[in-house]
Amino acid sequence: MFRRISLINSRGFLQKKDFNRGYLFSPLLIIPLFLVMISGLLIKSIQGDFLESNYLGHILTGFLGYFLAFFISYIPLERLKMYLVPFYLCTLISLLLIYFFGISVSGAQRWLNFGSFSFQPSEVAKLSTVLTLALVLDKKIILTIRDLVLPLLVVVIPWLLIFFQPDLGTSLVLLVLTGVMLYWSQMPIEWILILVFCIITAALNLTLPTLLIFWIPVIGYLAYRSSKKKIIFSALAISLHLLVAKFTPILWQYGLKEYQKDRLVLFLDPNRDPLGGGYHLIQSQIAIGSGGLFGNGLLQGKLTNLQFIPEQHTDFIFSALGEELGFVGCMVVLFLFFFLIKKLINTATIARTNFESLIVIGIASTFLFQIIINLFMTIGLGPVTGIPLPFMSYGRTSLVTNFVSIGFVLSILKRSRSLRN
């Protein structure tokens, strides 16, 4: 039984009167659309009235996604199960095609071009991985190491294809959603920590390798206490982390571009290279700080209008929000994100099946991680990783995919309520 079952019993289902209100004006749709409208105005402020301004396209794409999500909410996910594996395979093919026909922008090869239309497969890969992983985890409970092989294989293939584009941000998103979905499917927490702690092992190997003498035994202890085959599992866990330590320098050397290495290091002290790798972070902090309590007003941000922050309409849209709407505006947007994530988690707890519950929790974890990392990035608490802010950062593929995800959640919510009533 999944963890969500106990939450269903304690929280109960929503009342019938809520079900009859309709879903066109559901908070799950209205909140994202409002965020799109706000970010559209911010994009207009960033890019001005130039012909290349993308604010209108962002808003129109948002409305398209809004109605697309509403339409998808009428499709039972059970009918789509047979298409999930082909959808996943098509996503892998599109990720592979990038290496041969992809468009390179700012040192990263992430887009496929079809005439005037560009498409970013890694954004779709997040959703396809959630759907396929939910399908796999629904059919088996993770009790042994052998049970982990197929779920991890589902994630590792797109992860490798995305990591070497290179797209460090999206590859991190895949790791996080996998950990959350494994936890939600009742996998022992120690096993998840052993996988997550691979990041710490990699970081220690690059910075303080001598600490691995004390860190690796901790991993062995976690494995020892969490499995019936204690010695074998401990040996496997230690071997995994030793392999991570062995291959981390190789991935650092050949898997990341120089600008990505700078971003991962310079966030600790961006003033070391104020005109290079630290420029984005410094200007973003200045913009947010200059907004004060209430901001300078929409379309009135000086740094934003003068385009002091490169690519501000994508990864650094939050800095424009801070400058033009201030602390109060930022808090309003963060509250809307909090409310949206809360609604998603509540939906996961009342879903009819484990399969549907896993889909919603995977989508929720994807949104939440992107929100946290993007926020930390723009205020200088984390490295620049190229992770967009959901529904606000400009990107048509990302925006449509996010609304499609919301459509799946609405479908699950609708059927969970109708079944109860």
Protein backbone atom coordinates (compact mmCIF):
# COMPACT_ATOMS: atom_id res chain seq x y z
CA MET A 1 0.00 0.00 0.00
CA PHE A 2 1.28 3.47 -0.87
CA ARG A 3 1.81 6.23 1.67
CA ARG A 4 -1.03 8.18 0.08
CA ILE A 5 -3.62 5.67 1.39
CA SER A 6 -3.28 6.86 4.99
CA LEU A 7 -3.61 10.45 3.82
CA ILE A 8 -6.86 9.64 2.02
CA ASN A 9 -8.34 8.15 5.15
CA SER A 10 -7.33 11.14 7.27
CA ARG A 11 -8.27 13.91 4.85
CA GLY A 12 -11.32 12.43 3.15
CA PHE A 13 -12.77 13.42 -0.22
CA LEU A 14 -14.07 16.81 -1.23
CA GLN A 15 -17.73 17.57 -1.09
CA LYS A 16 -20.15 17.09 -3.99
CA LYS A 17 -20.89 20.80 -4.25
CA ASP A 18 -17.22 21.40 -5.14
CA PHE A 19 -17.45 18.86 -7.95
CA ASN A 20 -20.40 20.62 -9.54
CA ARG A 21 -18.69 24.00 -9.85
CA GLY A 22 -16.85 22.99 -13.02
CA TYR A 23 -13.18 22.99 -13.82
CA LEU A 24 -12.80 25.84 -16.28
CA PHE A 25 -12.26 28.16 -13.32
CA SER A 26 -10.45 25.66 -11.12
CA PRO A 27 -7.51 27.13 -9.15
CA LEU A 28 -5.35 24.53 -10.90
CA LEU A 29 -6.05 26.42 -14.15
CA ILE A 30 -6.62 29.98 -12.99
CA ILE A 31 -3.37 30.27 -10.98
CA PRO A 32 -1.11 29.21 -13.90
CA LEU A 33 -3.01 31.51 -16.28
CA PHE A 34 -2.61 34.45 -13.89
CA LEU A 35 1.13 33.73 -13.62
CA VAL A 36 1.33 33.70 -17.42
CA MET A 37 -0.39 37.10 -17.63
CA ILE A 38 1.96 38.65 -15.04
CA SER A 39 5.05 37.20 -16.68
CA GLY A 40 3.80 38.39 -20.09
CA LEU A 41 3.86 41.97 -18.83
CA LEU A 42 7.31 41.41 -17.33
CA ILE A 43 8.58 40.06 -20.66
CA LYS A 44 7.19 43.17 -22.37
CA SER A 45 9.08 45.30 -19.87
CA ILE A 46 12.29 43.34 -20.49
CA GLN A 47 12.13 43.42 -24.28
CA GLY A 48 10.26 46.69 -24.81
CA ASP A 49 8.39 47.25 -28.04
CA PHE A 50 10.99 45.67 -30.26
CA LEU A 51 9.86 43.32 -33.00
CA GLU A 52 11.52 40.38 -31.24
CA SER A 53 9.44 40.92 -28.12
CA ASN A 54 7.93 37.62 -27.02
CA TYR A 55 5.33 38.81 -24.50
CA LEU A 56 2.32 38.38 -26.81
CA GLY A 57 3.45 34.92 -27.88
CA HIS A 58 3.88 33.95 -24.24
CA ILE A 59 0.36 35.08 -23.34
CA LEU A 60 -1.25 33.46 -26.39
CA THR A 61 0.60 30.20 -25.70
CA GLY A 62 -0.66 30.41 -22.11
CA PHE A 63 -4.29 30.68 -23.26
CA LEU A 64 -3.74 27.81 -25.69
CA GLY A 65 -2.35 25.72 -22.83
CA TYR A 66 -5.26 26.75 -20.60
CA PHE A 67 -7.90 25.39 -22.99
CA LEU A 68 -5.74 22.39 -23.88
CA ALA A 69 -5.55 21.46 -20.19
CA PHE A 70 -9.32 21.84 -19.84
CA PHE A 71 -9.83 19.55 -22.84
CA ILE A 72 -7.40 16.94 -21.48
CA SER A 73 -9.27 16.90 -18.17
CA TYR A 74 -12.10 15.02 -19.96
CA ILE A 75 -9.80 12.16 -21.00
CA PRO A 76 -9.52 9.28 -18.48
CA LEU A 77 -5.87 8.43 -18.00
CA GLU A 78 -6.65 4.72 -18.04
CA ARG A 79 -7.38 5.07 -21.76
CA LEU A 80 -3.93 6.57 -22.32
CA LYS A 81 -1.92 3.79 -20.65
CA MET A 82 -1.32 1.93 -23.91
CA TYR A 83 0.19 5.08 -25.45
CA LEU A 84 2.60 5.96 -22.64
CA VAL A 85 5.45 3.66 -23.66
CA PRO A 86 5.30 4.79 -27.35
CA PHE A 87 5.20 8.40 -26.11
CA TYR A 88 8.27 7.72 -23.96
CA LEU A 89 10.12 6.09 -26.88
CA CYS A 90 9.29 9.01 -29.17
CA THR A 91 10.69 11.35 -26.54
CA LEU A 92 13.94 9.35 -26.43
CA ILE A 93 14.17 9.49 -30.22
CA SER A 94 13.70 13.26 -30.21
CA LEU A 95 16.40 13.60 -27.54
CA LEU A 96 18.74 11.51 -29.68
CA LEU A 97 17.98 13.56 -32.80
CA ILE A 98 19.27 16.66 -31.03
CA TYR A 99 22.82 15.31 -31.28
CA PHE A 100 22.52 15.19 -35.07
CA PHE A 101 20.10 17.98 -36.00
CA GLY A 102 19.84 20.11 -32.87
CA ILE A 103 20.23 23.88 -32.72
CA SER A 104 22.98 25.19 -30.45
CA VAL A 105 22.20 28.29 -28.34
CA SER A 106 24.65 29.71 -25.76
CA GLY A 107 26.79 26.56 -25.90
CA ALA A 108 23.91 24.13 -25.34
CA GLN A 109 22.34 21.97 -28.05
CA ARG A 110 18.77 21.50 -26.82
CA TRP A 111 16.35 22.46 -29.62
CA LEU A 112 15.01 20.86 -32.77
CA ASN A 113 13.97 23.28 -35.49
CA PHE A 114 10.99 22.72 -37.81
CA GLY A 115 10.96 25.81 -40.01
CA SER A 116 9.74 28.72 -37.89
CA PHE A 117 8.88 26.39 -35.01
CA SER A 118 11.47 25.24 -32.46
CA PHE A 119 10.91 22.40 -30.03
CA GLN A 120 12.76 21.48 -26.82
CA PRO A 121 12.48 17.70 -26.24
CA SER A 122 13.97 17.82 -22.73
CA GLU A 123 10.89 19.69 -21.47
CA VAL A 124 8.61 16.97 -22.80
CA ALA A 125 10.97 14.34 -21.39
CA LYS A 126 10.14 15.46 -17.85
CA LEU A 127 6.47 14.66 -18.36
CA SER A 128 7.03 11.45 -20.32
CA THR A 129 9.41 10.20 -17.62
CA VAL A 130 6.81 10.90 -14.91
CA LEU A 131 4.10 9.05 -16.84
CA THR A 132 6.27 6.04 -17.71
CA LEU A 133 7.80 5.78 -14.25
CA ALA A 134 4.30 5.86 -12.72
CA LEU A 135 3.29 3.04 -15.07
CA VAL A 136 6.29 0.94 -13.99
CA LEU A 137 5.99 1.63 -10.25
CA ASP A 138 2.27 0.88 -10.32
CA LYS A 139 2.99 -2.71 -11.36
CA LYS A 140 5.55 -3.56 -8.70
CA ILE A 141 6.49 -2.73 -5.13
CA ILE A 142 10.19 -1.99 -4.57
CA LEU A 143 11.29 -4.72 -2.16
CA THR A 144 14.62 -5.85 -3.62
CA ILE A 145 17.47 -4.36 -5.63
CA ARG A 146 16.21 -6.26 -8.66
CA ASP A 147 12.91 -4.37 -8.43
CA LEU A 148 14.84 -1.10 -8.88
CA VAL A 149 16.42 -2.03 -12.21
CA LEU A 150 13.50 -1.18 -14.52
CA PRO A 151 12.43 2.06 -12.76
CA LEU A 152 16.01 3.36 -12.78
CA LEU A 153 16.47 2.33 -16.41
CA VAL A 154 13.41 4.40 -17.34
CA VAL A 155 15.12 7.45 -15.84
CA VAL A 156 18.79 6.83 -16.66
CA ILE A 157 18.35 6.74 -20.46
CA PRO A 158 16.72 10.20 -20.81
CA TRP A 159 18.98 11.52 -18.03
CA LEU A 160 22.13 10.64 -19.98
CA LEU A 161 20.76 12.07 -23.22
CA ILE A 162 19.83 15.33 -21.48
CA PHE A 163 22.96 15.66 -19.32
CA PHE A 164 25.31 15.54 -22.30
CA GLN A 165 23.40 18.15 -24.37
CA PRO A 166 24.45 19.64 -21.91
CA ASP A 167 21.39 20.47 -19.79
CA LEU A 168 22.36 20.19 -16.14
CA GLY A 169 19.12 21.76 -14.86
CA THR A 170 16.71 19.33 -16.48
CA SER A 171 18.90 16.36 -15.56
CA LEU A 172 18.63 17.43 -11.91
CA VAL A 173 14.84 17.67 -12.24
CA LEU A 174 14.72 14.05 -13.44
CA LEU A 175 16.74 12.89 -10.44
CA VAL A 176 14.51 14.71 -7.96
CA LEU A 177 11.18 13.56 -9.41
CA THR A 178 12.52 9.99 -9.41
CA GLY A 179 13.43 10.17 -5.73
CA VAL A 180 10.05 11.60 -4.77
CA MET A 181 8.10 9.05 -6.81
CA LEU A 182 10.13 6.17 -5.37
CA TYR A 183 9.41 7.48 -1.88
CA TRP A 184 5.71 7.81 -2.68
CA SER A 185 5.67 4.20 -3.90
CA GLN A 186 6.78 2.99 -0.46
CA MET A 187 10.44 2.42 -1.22
CA PRO A 188 12.52 2.44 2.01
CA ILE A 189 13.73 5.95 2.81
CA GLU A 190 17.27 4.67 3.38
CA TRP A 191 17.45 3.44 -0.21
CA ILE A 192 16.38 6.84 -1.49
CA LEU A 193 19.00 8.55 0.68
CA ILE A 194 21.68 6.22 -0.68
CA LEU A 195 20.77 7.33 -4.21
CA VAL A 196 20.39 11.03 -3.36
CA PHE A 197 23.65 11.09 -1.39
CA CYS A 198 25.49 10.28 -4.62
CA ILE A 199 25.39 14.04 -5.20
CA ILE A 200 27.18 14.64 -1.89
CA THR A 201 29.75 11.97 -2.74
CA ALA A 202 30.43 13.66 -6.08
CA ALA A 203 30.74 17.09 -4.43
CA LEU A 204 33.10 15.79 -1.74
CA ASN A 205 35.27 14.05 -4.30
CA LEU A 206 35.74 17.35 -6.16
CA THR A 207 36.28 19.54 -3.09
CA LEU A 208 37.34 17.56 0.01
CA PRO A 209 38.17 14.01 -1.12
CA THR A 210 39.72 13.03 2.21
CA LEU A 211 36.28 13.25 3.84
CA LEU A 212 35.17 10.30 1.73
CA ILE A 213 37.05 8.09 4.23
CA PHE A 214 34.37 8.96 6.78
CA TRP A 215 31.46 9.47 4.38
CA ILE A 216 31.52 6.12 2.56
CA PRO A 217 31.11 4.10 5.81
CA VAL A 218 27.98 6.16 6.56
CA ILE A 219 26.54 4.95 3.25
CA GLY A 220 27.44 1.38 4.17
CA TYR A 221 25.66 1.74 7.51
CA LEU A 222 22.49 3.07 5.86
CA ALA A 223 22.49 0.09 3.52
CA TYR A 224 23.20 -2.37 6.35
CA ARG A 225 20.20 -1.29 8.42
CA SER A 226 17.73 -1.19 5.53
CA SER A 227 17.97 -4.64 3.95
CA LYS A 228 17.62 -8.26 4.95
CA LYS A 229 20.73 -9.15 2.95
CA LYS A 230 22.78 -6.71 4.97
CA ILE A 231 26.32 -7.56 3.89
CA ILE A 232 25.51 -7.84 0.18
CA PHE A 233 23.47 -4.63 0.11
CA SER A 234 26.13 -2.72 2.05
CA ALA A 235 28.78 -3.86 -0.42
CA LEU A 236 26.59 -2.79 -3.35
CA ALA A 237 25.88 0.65 -1.85
CA ILE A 238 29.56 1.27 -1.09
CA SER A 239 30.53 0.11 -4.57
CA LEU A 240 27.99 2.49 -6.11
CA HIS A 241 29.40 5.49 -4.26
CA LEU A 242 32.98 4.49 -5.04
CA LEU A 243 32.02 4.37 -8.72
CA VAL A 244 30.41 7.80 -8.41
CA ALA A 245 33.61 9.13 -6.84
CA LYS A 246 35.66 7.51 -9.60
CA PHE A 247 33.65 8.90 -12.51
CA THR A 248 32.84 12.36 -11.09
CA PRO A 249 36.13 13.93 -12.32
CA ILE A 250 35.48 12.44 -15.78
CA LEU A 251 31.94 13.89 -15.91
CA TRP A 252 33.25 17.22 -14.62
CA GLN A 253 35.97 17.29 -17.25
CA TYR A 254 34.07 16.05 -20.28
CA GLY A 255 30.37 16.24 -19.39
CA LEU A 256 30.13 19.95 -18.51
CA LYS A 257 30.99 23.01 -20.53
CA GLU A 258 33.31 25.65 -19.06
CA TYR A 259 30.45 28.09 -18.48
CA GLN A 260 28.56 25.43 -16.48
CA LYS A 261 31.59 24.80 -14.30
CA ASP A 262 31.86 28.55 -13.66
CA ARG A 263 28.19 28.74 -12.69
CA LEU A 264 28.51 25.89 -10.21
CA VAL A 265 31.46 27.53 -8.48
CA LEU A 266 30.92 31.28 -8.80
CA PHE A 267 27.57 31.45 -6.98
CA LEU A 268 29.56 31.17 -3.74
CA ASP A 269 31.43 34.37 -4.65
CA PRO A 270 30.16 35.93 -7.90
CA ASN A 271 32.44 38.95 -7.38
CA ARG A 272 35.41 36.78 -8.35
CA ASP A 273 34.30 37.23 -11.96
CA PRO A 274 31.83 40.16 -11.94
CA LEU A 275 31.92 40.66 -15.72
CA GLY A 276 31.87 36.97 -16.62
CA GLY A 277 30.32 33.98 -14.85
CA GLY A 278 29.15 36.04 -11.86
CA TYR A 279 27.50 38.78 -13.90
CA HIS A 280 24.01 37.23 -14.00
CA LEU A 281 23.91 36.67 -10.25
CA ILE A 282 25.18 40.14 -9.33
CA GLN A 283 22.76 41.97 -11.63
CA SER A 284 19.85 39.77 -10.54
CA GLN A 285 20.47 40.54 -6.87
CA ILE A 286 20.77 44.26 -7.62
CA ALA A 287 17.48 44.22 -9.57
CA ILE A 288 15.56 42.40 -6.85
CA GLY A 289 17.03 44.61 -4.12
CA SER A 290 16.20 47.82 -6.00
CA GLY A 291 12.51 46.90 -6.01
CA GLY A 292 12.20 47.46 -2.28
CA LEU A 293 8.85 46.74 -0.63
CA PHE A 294 6.40 47.62 -3.39
CA GLY A 295 8.63 47.78 -6.48
CA ASN A 296 9.03 50.41 -9.17
CA GLY A 297 5.81 49.47 -10.95
CA LEU A 298 5.04 47.23 -13.91
CA LEU A 299 7.04 48.22 -17.00
CA GLN A 300 8.99 50.73 -14.87
CA GLY A 301 12.06 48.72 -13.81
CA LYS A 302 15.24 50.56 -14.78
CA LEU A 303 17.55 47.54 -14.90
CA THR A 304 14.84 45.49 -16.56
CA ASN A 305 14.04 48.12 -19.22
CA LEU A 306 17.73 48.57 -20.02
CA GLN A 307 18.32 44.80 -20.29
CA PHE A 308 21.12 44.66 -17.73
CA ILE A 309 20.43 40.97 -17.12
CA PRO A 310 21.00 38.69 -20.14
CA GLU A 311 18.20 36.23 -20.95
CA GLN A 312 16.07 37.79 -18.20
CA HIS A 313 12.83 36.75 -19.88
CA THR A 314 13.72 33.06 -19.42
CA ASP A 315 15.70 31.88 -16.40
CA PHE A 316 15.80 35.24 -14.57
CA ILE A 317 12.18 36.37 -14.89
CA PHE A 318 11.91 36.45 -11.08
CA SER A 319 14.45 39.28 -10.91
CA ALA A 320 12.17 41.41 -13.12
CA LEU A 321 9.30 40.59 -10.79
CA GLY A 322 11.33 41.70 -7.76
CA GLU A 323 12.36 44.99 -9.36
CA GLU A 324 8.94 45.97 -10.70
CA LEU A 325 6.57 44.57 -8.04
CA GLY A 326 8.90 44.46 -5.07
CA PHE A 327 8.82 42.22 -2.02
CA VAL A 328 5.02 42.28 -1.87
CA GLY A 329 4.68 41.17 -5.49
CA CYS A 330 7.20 38.39 -4.96
CA MET A 331 5.32 37.15 -1.90
CA VAL A 332 2.03 37.12 -3.80
CA VAL A 333 3.53 35.04 -6.60
CA LEU A 334 5.20 32.66 -4.14
CA PHE A 335 1.90 32.25 -2.28
CA LEU A 336 0.20 31.34 -5.57
CA PHE A 337 2.91 28.77 -6.25
CA PHE A 338 2.51 27.40 -2.71
CA PHE A 339 -1.26 27.13 -3.13
CA LEU A 340 -0.83 25.40 -6.50
CA ILE A 341 1.61 22.83 -5.08
CA LYS A 342 -0.70 22.25 -2.11
CA LYS A 343 -3.61 21.56 -4.46
CA LEU A 344 -1.45 19.11 -6.42
CA ILE A 345 -0.39 17.22 -3.30
CA ASN A 346 -3.99 17.09 -2.06
CA THR A 347 -5.01 15.66 -5.43
CA ALA A 348 -2.30 13.00 -5.13
CA THR A 349 -3.73 11.91 -1.78
CA ILE A 350 -7.28 11.45 -3.09
CA ALA A 351 -6.47 9.87 -6.45
CA ARG A 352 -8.38 6.69 -7.23
CA THR A 353 -5.37 4.52 -8.05
CA ASN A 354 -1.70 4.35 -7.21
CA PHE A 355 -0.91 4.98 -10.87
CA GLU A 356 -2.78 8.30 -10.85
CA SER A 357 -1.39 9.28 -7.46
CA LEU A 358 2.17 8.70 -8.70
CA ILE A 359 1.57 10.88 -11.76
CA VAL A 360 0.33 13.81 -9.67
CA ILE A 361 3.12 13.58 -7.10
CA GLY A 362 5.68 13.40 -9.92
CA ILE A 363 4.24 16.54 -11.52
CA ALA A 364 4.10 18.31 -8.14
CA SER A 365 7.74 17.47 -7.37
CA THR A 366 8.80 18.68 -10.82
CA PHE A 367 7.11 22.06 -10.33
CA LEU A 368 8.28 22.46 -6.72
CA PHE A 369 11.92 21.69 -7.45
CA GLN A 370 12.00 24.09 -10.38
CA ILE A 371 10.42 26.86 -8.29
CA ILE A 372 12.89 26.42 -5.43
CA ILE A 373 16.00 26.19 -7.61
CA ASN A 374 15.00 29.10 -9.84
CA LEU A 375 14.26 31.28 -6.80
CA PHE A 376 17.55 30.35 -5.12
CA MET A 377 19.39 31.00 -8.38
CA THR A 378 18.01 34.51 -8.86
CA ILE A 379 18.70 35.64 -5.28
CA GLY A 380 22.22 34.16 -5.18
CA LEU A 381 21.62 31.17 -2.91
CA GLY A 382 22.29 28.62 -5.64
CA PRO A 383 24.20 28.22 -8.90
CA VAL A 384 22.81 29.21 -12.29
CA THR A 385 21.50 25.91 -13.68
CA GLY A 386 19.16 27.02 -16.46
CA ILE A 387 16.00 25.80 -14.73
CA PRO A 388 12.94 27.84 -15.81
CA LEU A 389 10.29 29.18 -13.44
CA PRO A 390 7.07 27.26 -14.26
CA PHE A 391 4.45 29.27 -16.19
CA MET A 392 6.56 32.44 -15.94
CA SER A 393 9.82 31.86 -17.81
CA TYR A 394 9.45 32.28 -21.57
CA GLY A 395 9.52 29.02 -23.48
CA ARG A 396 6.66 27.65 -25.58
CA THR A 397 7.54 23.97 -25.19
CA SER A 398 7.89 24.31 -21.44
CA LEU A 399 4.66 26.30 -21.07
CA VAL A 400 2.52 23.94 -23.15
CA THR A 401 3.99 20.89 -21.37
CA ASN A 402 3.23 22.41 -17.98
CA PHE A 403 -0.39 23.03 -18.95
CA VAL A 404 -0.70 19.49 -20.33
CA SER A 405 0.54 18.26 -16.94
CA ILE A 406 -2.14 20.34 -15.23
CA GLY A 407 -4.70 18.80 -17.60
CA PHE A 408 -3.70 15.31 -16.44
CA VAL A 409 -4.04 16.40 -12.82
CA LEU A 410 -7.52 17.82 -13.49
CA SER A 411 -8.54 14.55 -15.13
CA ILE A 412 -7.41 12.64 -12.06
CA LEU A 413 -9.10 15.10 -9.70
CA LYS A 414 -12.38 14.98 -11.62
CA ARG A 415 -12.59 11.19 -11.57
CA SER A 416 -11.56 10.86 -7.94
CA ARG A 417 -14.37 13.19 -6.92
CA SER A 418 -16.99 11.66 -9.24
CA LEU A 419 -16.19 8.17 -7.95
CA ARG A 420 -16.72 9.30 -4.37
CA ASN A 421 -19.96 11.07 -5.13
